[in-house]
């Protein structure tokens, strides 16, 4: 079957939009209506006039789209496409944790479950987290969840002392300084760019730290002809398209390969995307109360981001 032709036919027939994260396989990125990071995808989900949203990403992303579009059909090509970071913060455990900090504002990274979003005052992404925190009063007490690495990075940049939930992304947390130092030794002319979900020791070695979109922009604008990239390997597809001629080296997850792939992101395939469009399943379903409560901190993020000039 020619999946590209069939997906394009069904997309038009069903007035559907395909949203894809930068970590998806290249062929899905190429056929998507919009490819972006969590902030960009949230914007697109909030603004779309489509009747159906096909979310080529992981479960929390599709949940976010459903929260912002309770009346629309939102489908995730593979329902098993979860997220190790979201899973590291179970709603029940987080609820108990928050009882220790009743006077704290709760800021949650968008990489969390819908239930955790309902316990949050503000949602952030790696692209706006620092600016949102800096926009709050200096004496504001904050609990930050679920990513301890991103939280520690924000604390370091802003001088805050946020209480951090002990969660992490297995794809970023596994990256080691040893692998990076080896790559830097072999490529002394290369710059290291890293996602803030990486450990502090990795970030200390970086020449630039930023969200997926920020890493792409840096690669595009940089005069460096060689970059070592510390994030999920799917970013290389767009990065190579936007920065042709540059040598891009992904930091490997271990010594057996030169890759660093999220196993959940890679569960989505063109065949599953086609079937999701054709059948309107697997659909994301959430209780009305969860969508109502979860929408408030997301909308607050979008409102603050607009006011701060982070989005248009």
Protein backbone atom coordinates (compact mmCIF):
# COMPACT_ATOMS: atom_id res chain seq x y z
CA UNK A 1 0.00 0.00 0.00
CA UNK A 2 1.13 3.55 -0.77
CA UNK A 3 0.71 4.95 2.73
CA UNK A 4 1.59 8.51 1.69
CA UNK A 5 -1.19 8.62 -0.92
CA UNK A 6 -3.75 6.99 1.37
CA UNK A 7 -2.88 9.17 4.36
CA UNK A 8 -3.18 12.31 2.23
CA UNK A 9 -6.56 11.14 0.92
CA UNK A 10 -7.93 10.33 4.35
CA UNK A 11 -6.57 13.53 5.89
CA UNK A 12 -8.55 15.60 3.37
CA UNK A 13 -11.64 13.39 3.54
CA UNK A 14 -11.85 13.54 7.34
CA UNK A 15 -10.63 17.12 7.84
CA UNK A 16 -7.81 15.78 9.97
CA UNK A 17 -4.54 17.35 11.07
CA UNK A 18 -1.41 15.33 11.71
CA UNK A 19 0.82 16.66 14.48
CA UNK A 20 4.24 15.08 14.93
CA UNK A 21 7.06 15.49 17.40
CA UNK A 22 10.67 15.91 16.25
CA UNK A 23 11.46 12.48 17.70
CA UNK A 24 9.18 10.62 15.29
CA UNK A 25 10.57 8.55 12.41
CA UNK A 26 11.51 10.67 9.35
CA UNK A 27 8.65 9.53 7.11
CA UNK A 28 6.07 10.60 9.71
CA UNK A 29 7.78 13.95 10.17
CA UNK A 30 7.70 14.47 6.40
CA UNK A 31 3.97 13.81 6.05
CA UNK A 32 2.83 15.74 9.13
CA UNK A 33 1.00 19.06 8.88
CA UNK A 34 3.14 20.36 11.73
CA UNK A 35 6.34 19.08 13.30
CA UNK A 36 7.43 20.63 16.57
CA UNK A 37 8.37 20.41 20.21
CA UNK A 38 5.90 20.30 23.08
CA UNK A 39 5.23 24.06 23.13
CA UNK A 40 4.66 24.29 19.38
CA UNK A 41 2.48 21.20 19.38
CA UNK A 42 0.37 22.56 22.24
CA UNK A 43 -0.11 25.80 20.29
CA UNK A 44 -1.17 23.93 17.18
CA UNK A 45 -3.55 21.72 19.14
CA UNK A 46 -5.13 24.78 20.75
CA UNK A 47 -5.59 26.61 17.45
CA UNK A 48 -6.65 23.89 15.00
CA UNK A 49 -10.00 23.90 13.19
CA UNK A 50 -9.65 20.26 12.20
CA UNK A 51 -12.32 17.76 13.22
CA UNK A 52 -9.74 15.08 13.96
CA UNK A 53 -6.25 15.31 15.45
CA UNK A 54 -3.83 12.48 14.74
CA UNK A 55 -1.01 12.87 17.23
CA UNK A 56 2.21 11.20 16.20
CA UNK A 57 3.97 11.43 19.51
CA UNK A 58 3.48 9.88 22.94
CA UNK A 59 0.48 9.54 25.23
CA UNK A 60 0.83 12.71 27.33
CA UNK A 61 1.02 14.79 24.13
CA UNK A 62 -2.21 13.32 22.77
CA UNK A 63 -3.80 13.85 26.19
CA UNK A 64 -2.79 17.52 26.06
CA UNK A 65 -4.40 17.85 22.63
CA UNK A 66 -7.60 16.25 23.96
CA UNK A 67 -7.64 18.54 27.01
CA UNK A 68 -7.43 21.55 24.69
CA UNK A 69 -10.01 20.09 22.29
CA UNK A 70 -12.54 18.15 24.39
CA UNK A 71 -15.06 18.02 21.54
CA UNK A 72 -12.66 16.73 18.89
CA UNK A 73 -11.54 13.23 18.05
CA UNK A 74 -7.89 12.81 19.09
CA UNK A 75 -6.13 9.60 18.12
CA UNK A 76 -2.68 8.21 18.95
CA UNK A 77 -1.38 5.72 16.33
CA UNK A 78 0.04 3.38 18.99
CA UNK A 79 -1.63 3.43 22.43
CA UNK A 80 1.52 1.89 23.95
CA UNK A 81 3.54 5.00 23.06
CA UNK A 82 4.05 6.16 26.63
CA UNK A 83 6.76 8.25 28.26
CA UNK A 84 9.31 7.22 30.88
CA UNK A 85 9.32 10.75 32.32
CA UNK A 86 5.53 10.91 32.70
CA UNK A 87 5.58 7.40 34.19
CA UNK A 88 8.17 8.51 36.76
CA UNK A 89 5.52 10.70 38.42
CA UNK A 90 2.44 8.61 39.33
CA UNK A 91 -0.52 10.81 40.20
CA UNK A 92 -1.20 9.11 43.54
CA UNK A 93 2.37 9.43 44.75
CA UNK A 94 2.58 13.03 43.55
CA UNK A 95 -0.62 13.90 45.40
CA UNK A 96 0.86 12.56 48.64
CA UNK A 97 4.12 14.43 47.98
CA UNK A 98 2.29 17.74 47.56
CA UNK A 99 0.75 17.42 51.04
CA UNK A 100 4.21 18.32 52.37
CA UNK A 101 4.16 21.64 50.49
CA UNK A 102 0.68 23.16 50.94
CA UNK A 103 1.94 26.74 50.47
CA UNK A 104 3.86 26.02 47.25
CA UNK A 105 2.86 26.77 43.68
CA UNK A 106 3.01 23.65 41.52
CA UNK A 107 4.72 23.95 38.13
CA UNK A 108 4.67 20.80 36.03
CA UNK A 109 6.62 20.12 32.87
CA UNK A 110 4.19 19.29 30.08
CA UNK A 111 5.74 15.78 29.98
CA UNK A 112 3.35 14.52 32.65
CA UNK A 113 0.01 12.74 32.78
CA UNK A 114 -3.34 14.46 32.57
CA UNK A 115 -3.94 13.65 36.25
CA UNK A 116 -0.71 15.40 37.30
CA UNK A 117 -1.74 18.41 35.22
CA UNK A 118 -4.92 18.68 37.30
CA UNK A 119 -2.74 19.12 40.42
CA UNK A 120 -0.67 21.87 38.78
CA UNK A 121 -0.98 25.64 38.83
CA UNK A 122 1.14 26.14 35.73
CA UNK A 123 2.45 23.94 32.93
CA UNK A 124 5.75 24.65 31.20
CA UNK A 125 7.86 23.24 28.39
CA UNK A 126 11.62 23.14 28.01
CA UNK A 127 11.25 26.06 25.62
CA UNK A 128 9.60 28.43 28.10
CA UNK A 129 10.32 27.04 31.59
CA UNK A 130 13.09 29.49 32.53
CA UNK A 131 11.15 32.54 31.36
CA UNK A 132 7.94 31.49 33.09
CA UNK A 133 9.71 30.90 36.40
CA UNK A 134 11.57 34.19 36.13
CA UNK A 135 8.25 35.98 35.57
CA UNK A 136 7.00 34.86 38.99
CA UNK A 137 7.73 36.76 42.24
CA UNK A 138 11.15 35.96 43.68
CA UNK A 139 9.66 34.82 46.97
CA UNK A 140 7.19 32.44 45.33
CA UNK A 141 7.63 28.93 46.73
CA UNK A 142 7.54 26.34 43.95
CA UNK A 143 7.30 22.59 43.55
CA UNK A 144 8.59 21.51 40.15
CA UNK A 145 7.76 18.15 38.57
CA UNK A 146 8.45 15.68 37.15
CA UNK A 147 11.92 16.21 35.62
CA UNK A 148 14.62 16.73 38.27
CA UNK A 149 17.24 17.52 35.61
CA UNK A 150 15.19 20.27 33.98
CA UNK A 151 14.23 21.55 37.43
CA UNK A 152 17.86 21.67 38.55
CA UNK A 153 18.78 23.51 35.36
CA UNK A 154 16.04 26.10 36.00
CA UNK A 155 17.21 26.51 39.60
CA UNK A 156 20.77 27.05 38.39
CA UNK A 157 19.80 29.64 35.76
CA UNK A 158 17.27 31.56 37.83
CA UNK A 159 18.82 31.24 41.29
CA UNK A 160 15.59 29.71 42.61
CA UNK A 161 15.30 26.91 45.13
CA UNK A 162 12.35 24.99 43.73
CA UNK A 163 11.46 21.70 45.38
CA UNK A 164 12.08 19.00 42.76
CA UNK A 165 10.19 15.78 42.19
CA UNK A 166 12.61 12.91 41.57
CA UNK A 167 11.74 12.01 37.97
CA UNK A 168 13.71 11.79 34.74
CA UNK A 169 13.55 10.91 31.04
CA UNK A 170 15.39 7.64 30.45
CA UNK A 171 16.53 8.80 27.01
CA UNK A 172 18.25 11.95 28.30
CA UNK A 173 19.21 10.80 31.79
CA UNK A 174 21.27 7.92 30.42
CA UNK A 175 23.64 10.14 28.43
CA UNK A 176 27.07 10.08 30.02
CA UNK A 177 29.92 12.53 30.24
CA UNK A 178 32.28 9.70 29.22
CA UNK A 179 30.57 9.31 25.84
CA UNK A 180 30.56 13.06 25.30
CA UNK A 181 34.23 13.50 26.27
CA UNK A 182 35.11 10.70 23.86
CA UNK A 183 33.24 12.43 21.03
CA UNK A 184 34.80 15.78 21.89
CA UNK A 185 38.25 14.20 21.92
CA UNK A 186 37.64 12.69 18.49
CA UNK A 187 36.08 15.91 17.18
CA UNK A 188 37.86 18.85 18.83
CA UNK A 189 36.30 21.30 16.36
CA UNK A 190 32.72 20.33 17.30
CA UNK A 191 30.34 22.24 19.55
CA UNK A 192 28.17 20.37 22.05
CA UNK A 193 24.47 21.28 22.17
CA UNK A 194 22.23 19.67 24.78
CA UNK A 195 18.63 19.40 25.91
CA UNK A 196 18.02 20.52 29.53
CA UNK A 197 16.57 17.09 30.41
CA UNK A 198 20.19 15.86 30.48
CA UNK A 199 22.08 15.53 33.76
CA UNK A 200 23.88 18.58 35.17
CA UNK A 201 27.31 17.04 34.46
CA UNK A 202 26.40 16.82 30.77
CA UNK A 203 24.98 20.34 30.68
CA UNK A 204 28.17 21.73 32.21
CA UNK A 205 30.05 20.53 29.12
CA UNK A 206 27.58 22.07 26.67
CA UNK A 207 28.25 25.08 24.48
CA UNK A 208 24.50 25.61 24.15
CA UNK A 209 21.49 24.32 26.12
CA UNK A 210 17.96 24.51 24.78
CA UNK A 211 14.66 22.91 23.83
CA UNK A 212 14.37 20.84 20.69
CA UNK A 213 13.31 23.88 18.69
CA UNK A 214 16.12 25.97 20.19
CA UNK A 215 18.68 23.27 19.33
CA UNK A 216 17.46 23.28 15.73
CA UNK A 217 17.70 27.07 15.55
CA UNK A 218 21.21 27.05 17.03
CA UNK A 219 22.37 24.45 14.50
CA UNK A 220 20.89 26.46 11.66
CA UNK A 221 22.47 29.77 12.71
CA UNK A 222 25.79 28.55 14.08
CA UNK A 223 29.00 28.99 12.13
CA UNK A 224 30.20 25.64 13.45
CA UNK A 225 30.36 22.94 10.81
CA UNK A 226 30.26 20.09 13.30
CA UNK A 227 27.88 19.60 16.20
CA UNK A 228 27.62 16.97 18.92
CA UNK A 229 23.94 16.66 19.83
CA UNK A 230 22.82 15.46 23.27
CA UNK A 231 19.14 14.59 22.87
CA UNK A 232 16.93 12.00 21.16
CA UNK A 233 18.20 10.98 17.73
CA UNK A 234 15.01 11.81 15.85
CA UNK A 235 16.01 15.48 15.88
CA UNK A 236 18.73 14.79 13.32
CA UNK A 237 16.21 14.45 10.47
CA UNK A 238 14.99 18.04 10.71
CA UNK A 239 18.39 19.32 11.77
CA UNK A 240 20.07 17.88 8.68
CA UNK A 241 17.32 19.28 6.44
CA UNK A 242 17.70 22.75 7.98
CA UNK A 243 21.51 22.63 8.24
CA UNK A 244 22.72 20.84 5.10
CA UNK A 245 26.43 20.25 4.85
CA UNK A 246 26.99 20.20 8.61
CA UNK A 247 28.27 17.12 10.40
CA UNK A 248 25.89 16.09 13.19
CA UNK A 249 26.92 13.54 15.81
CA UNK A 250 24.33 12.18 18.23
CA UNK A 251 25.54 11.27 21.73
CA UNK A 252 25.03 7.48 21.94
CA UNK A 253 23.02 5.87 24.71
CA UNK A 254 25.65 3.14 25.14
CA UNK A 255 28.83 1.81 23.60
CA UNK A 256 27.03 -0.70 21.35
CA UNK A 257 25.53 1.85 18.95
CA UNK A 258 25.77 5.41 17.67
CA UNK A 259 22.11 6.15 18.37
CA UNK A 260 19.87 7.40 21.17
CA UNK A 261 16.26 6.61 20.37
CA UNK A 262 13.15 6.82 22.52
CA UNK A 263 11.53 3.38 22.21
CA UNK A 264 8.08 4.87 22.80
CA UNK A 265 8.34 7.57 20.15
CA UNK A 266 9.45 4.98 17.62
CA UNK A 267 6.38 2.79 18.18
CA UNK A 268 4.41 4.97 15.77
CA UNK A 269 4.74 3.88 12.13
CA UNK A 270 3.26 4.95 8.81
CA UNK A 271 0.97 1.90 8.82
CA UNK A 272 -0.32 2.72 12.30
CA UNK A 273 -0.78 6.35 11.28
CA UNK A 274 -2.83 5.24 8.28
CA UNK A 275 -4.98 2.89 10.38
CA UNK A 276 -5.56 5.59 13.02
CA UNK A 277 -6.81 7.95 10.32
CA UNK A 278 -8.93 5.28 8.66
CA UNK A 279 -10.58 3.90 11.80
CA UNK A 280 -10.52 6.89 14.16
CA UNK A 281 -8.87 4.76 16.81
CA UNK A 282 -7.18 4.42 19.27
CA UNK A 283 -9.02 7.49 20.56
CA UNK A 284 -7.93 9.43 23.64
CA UNK A 285 -10.71 9.55 26.23
CA UNK A 286 -10.49 11.54 29.46
CA UNK A 287 -13.03 12.33 32.19
CA UNK A 288 -14.65 15.75 31.82
CA UNK A 289 -13.37 16.83 35.25
CA UNK A 290 -9.78 15.95 34.30
CA UNK A 291 -10.02 17.93 31.08
CA UNK A 292 -11.53 20.95 32.82
CA UNK A 293 -8.94 21.03 35.62
CA UNK A 294 -6.04 20.13 33.34
CA UNK A 295 -6.89 22.85 30.84
CA UNK A 296 -6.41 25.72 33.29
CA UNK A 297 -2.62 25.39 33.86
CA UNK A 298 -2.03 24.77 30.13
CA UNK A 299 -4.00 27.86 29.17
CA UNK A 300 -2.11 29.82 31.82
CA UNK A 301 1.15 28.71 30.19
CA UNK A 302 -0.04 29.82 26.76
CA UNK A 303 -1.30 33.16 28.13
CA UNK A 304 1.97 33.87 29.96
CA UNK A 305 4.03 32.79 26.94
CA UNK A 306 2.07 35.16 24.72
CA UNK A 307 2.47 38.02 27.20
CA UNK A 308 6.22 37.37 27.46
CA UNK A 309 6.59 37.29 23.69
CA UNK A 310 7.59 33.64 23.61
CA UNK A 311 4.83 32.77 21.14
CA UNK A 312 2.76 34.71 18.65
